[in-house]
Protein backbone atom coordinates (compact mmCIF):
# COMPACT_ATOMS: atom_id res chain seq x y z
CA MET A 1 48.59 -10.14 34.00
CA TYR A 2 45.65 -8.70 35.82
CA TYR A 3 45.07 -11.40 38.43
CA ARG A 4 48.06 -12.89 40.19
CA TRP A 5 46.58 -14.91 43.06
CA TYR A 6 47.14 -18.16 41.20
CA LEU A 7 50.91 -17.61 41.08
CA PHE A 8 50.92 -18.08 44.85
CA PHE A 9 48.57 -21.08 44.87
CA ILE A 10 50.09 -23.19 42.07
CA PRO A 11 53.00 -24.40 44.28
CA ILE A 12 50.55 -25.11 47.11
CA VAL A 13 48.32 -27.17 44.81
CA PHE A 14 51.38 -29.06 43.58
CA ALA A 15 52.50 -29.79 47.16
CA VAL A 16 49.04 -30.99 48.21
CA SER A 17 48.84 -33.22 45.14
CA LEU A 18 52.12 -34.85 46.18
CA ILE A 19 50.57 -35.67 49.55
CA TYR A 20 47.77 -37.58 47.80
CA ILE A 21 50.07 -39.82 45.75
CA PRO A 22 50.17 -42.65 48.35
CA PHE A 23 46.36 -42.58 48.59
CA LEU A 24 45.98 -42.76 44.81
CA LYS A 25 48.51 -45.60 44.56
CA ARG A 26 46.42 -47.72 46.94
CA LEU A 27 43.32 -47.38 44.80
CA PRO A 28 42.67 -49.46 41.70
CA LEU A 29 43.83 -47.70 38.54
CA PHE A 30 40.22 -47.37 37.36
CA PHE A 31 39.38 -45.09 40.31
CA SER A 32 42.67 -43.27 40.77
CA SER A 33 42.75 -42.24 37.11
CA ARG A 34 39.25 -40.80 37.41
CA PHE A 35 40.17 -38.91 40.59
CA ILE A 36 43.16 -37.46 38.77
CA LEU A 37 40.93 -36.56 35.82
CA ALA A 38 38.51 -34.77 38.15
CA GLY A 39 41.38 -32.83 39.70
CA PHE A 40 42.81 -31.91 36.32
CA VAL A 41 39.44 -30.71 35.00
CA PHE A 42 38.84 -28.69 38.18
CA LEU A 43 42.27 -27.04 38.07
CA SER A 44 41.85 -26.36 34.35
CA GLY A 45 38.73 -24.43 35.19
CA SER A 46 39.82 -22.71 38.37
CA ILE A 47 43.44 -21.82 37.63
CA GLY A 48 43.68 -22.27 33.85
CA MET A 49 40.64 -20.19 32.98
CA GLU A 50 41.63 -17.62 35.61
CA MET A 51 44.86 -17.14 33.68
CA VAL A 52 42.88 -16.66 30.48
CA GLU A 53 40.61 -14.15 32.25
CA SER A 54 43.67 -12.31 33.49
CA ILE A 55 45.00 -11.89 29.96
CA LEU A 56 41.60 -10.90 28.56
CA THR A 57 40.99 -8.38 31.35
CA SER A 58 44.40 -6.78 30.95
CA GLN A 59 43.72 -6.30 27.23
CA GLY A 60 40.27 -4.85 27.89
CA HIS A 61 38.24 -7.76 26.49
CA SER A 62 35.02 -9.18 27.89
CA VAL A 63 35.42 -12.22 30.11
CA GLY A 64 31.83 -13.50 30.14
CA VAL A 65 32.50 -16.62 28.06
CA SER A 66 35.69 -17.29 30.00
CA ILE A 67 33.79 -17.19 33.29
CA LEU A 68 31.13 -19.49 31.87
CA LEU A 69 33.77 -22.01 30.77
CA GLU A 70 35.55 -21.74 34.13
CA GLU A 71 32.42 -22.51 36.12
CA THR A 72 31.38 -25.27 33.73
CA LEU A 73 34.75 -27.02 34.08
CA GLU A 74 34.60 -26.77 37.86
CA MET A 75 31.09 -28.25 37.98
CA LEU A 76 32.06 -30.98 35.50
CA ALA A 77 34.95 -31.93 37.77
CA VAL A 78 32.58 -32.28 40.72
CA VAL A 79 30.29 -34.48 38.60
CA ILE A 80 33.27 -36.69 37.62
CA LEU A 81 34.30 -36.95 41.28
CA ILE A 82 30.82 -37.83 42.53
CA HIS A 83 30.36 -40.38 39.73
CA THR A 84 33.68 -42.01 40.60
CA LEU A 85 32.77 -42.14 44.29
CA LEU A 86 29.41 -43.74 43.49
CA LEU A 87 31.12 -46.31 41.27
CA TYR A 88 33.51 -47.10 44.13
CA ILE A 89 30.62 -47.51 46.57
CA ALA A 90 28.82 -49.80 44.11
CA LYS A 91 31.95 -51.92 43.58
CA ALA A 92 32.51 -52.23 47.32
CA ASN A 93 28.95 -53.53 47.75
CA TYR A 94 27.99 -50.95 50.33
CA THR A 95 24.29 -50.54 50.98
CA LEU A 96 22.60 -47.28 51.61
CA LYS A 97 19.31 -47.26 53.47
CA LEU A 98 17.13 -44.23 53.63
CA GLN A 99 14.31 -44.35 56.12
CA VAL A 100 11.76 -41.60 56.30
CA SER A 101 9.27 -41.79 59.12
CA GLY A 102 7.00 -39.53 61.05
CA ASN A 103 4.74 -36.72 60.04
CA PRO A 104 6.61 -33.43 59.65
CA HIS A 105 3.41 -31.40 60.09
CA ARG A 106 2.68 -32.53 63.66
């Protein structure tokens, strides 16, 4: 294995995820399952694809596609998270007001 940073961080990620269990239990299943999905997709990209890159690099292969997939999974996870948060805000009937006033060129 070429990269080994993730061997140190996997237990930390597991410990932090245990801390979030009470928070996720308080949420409706609809939202908590999507938060878990976002976390799984993100970790698949960040740690999972890093492991694949490590193997490819140690064997002398190109890692361009692996990096592309890693970044895509991470961004997809952020999209899932933001979508879930917006759904939660919509369900809670929060209102968001945006007021723009004044002339910025004065």
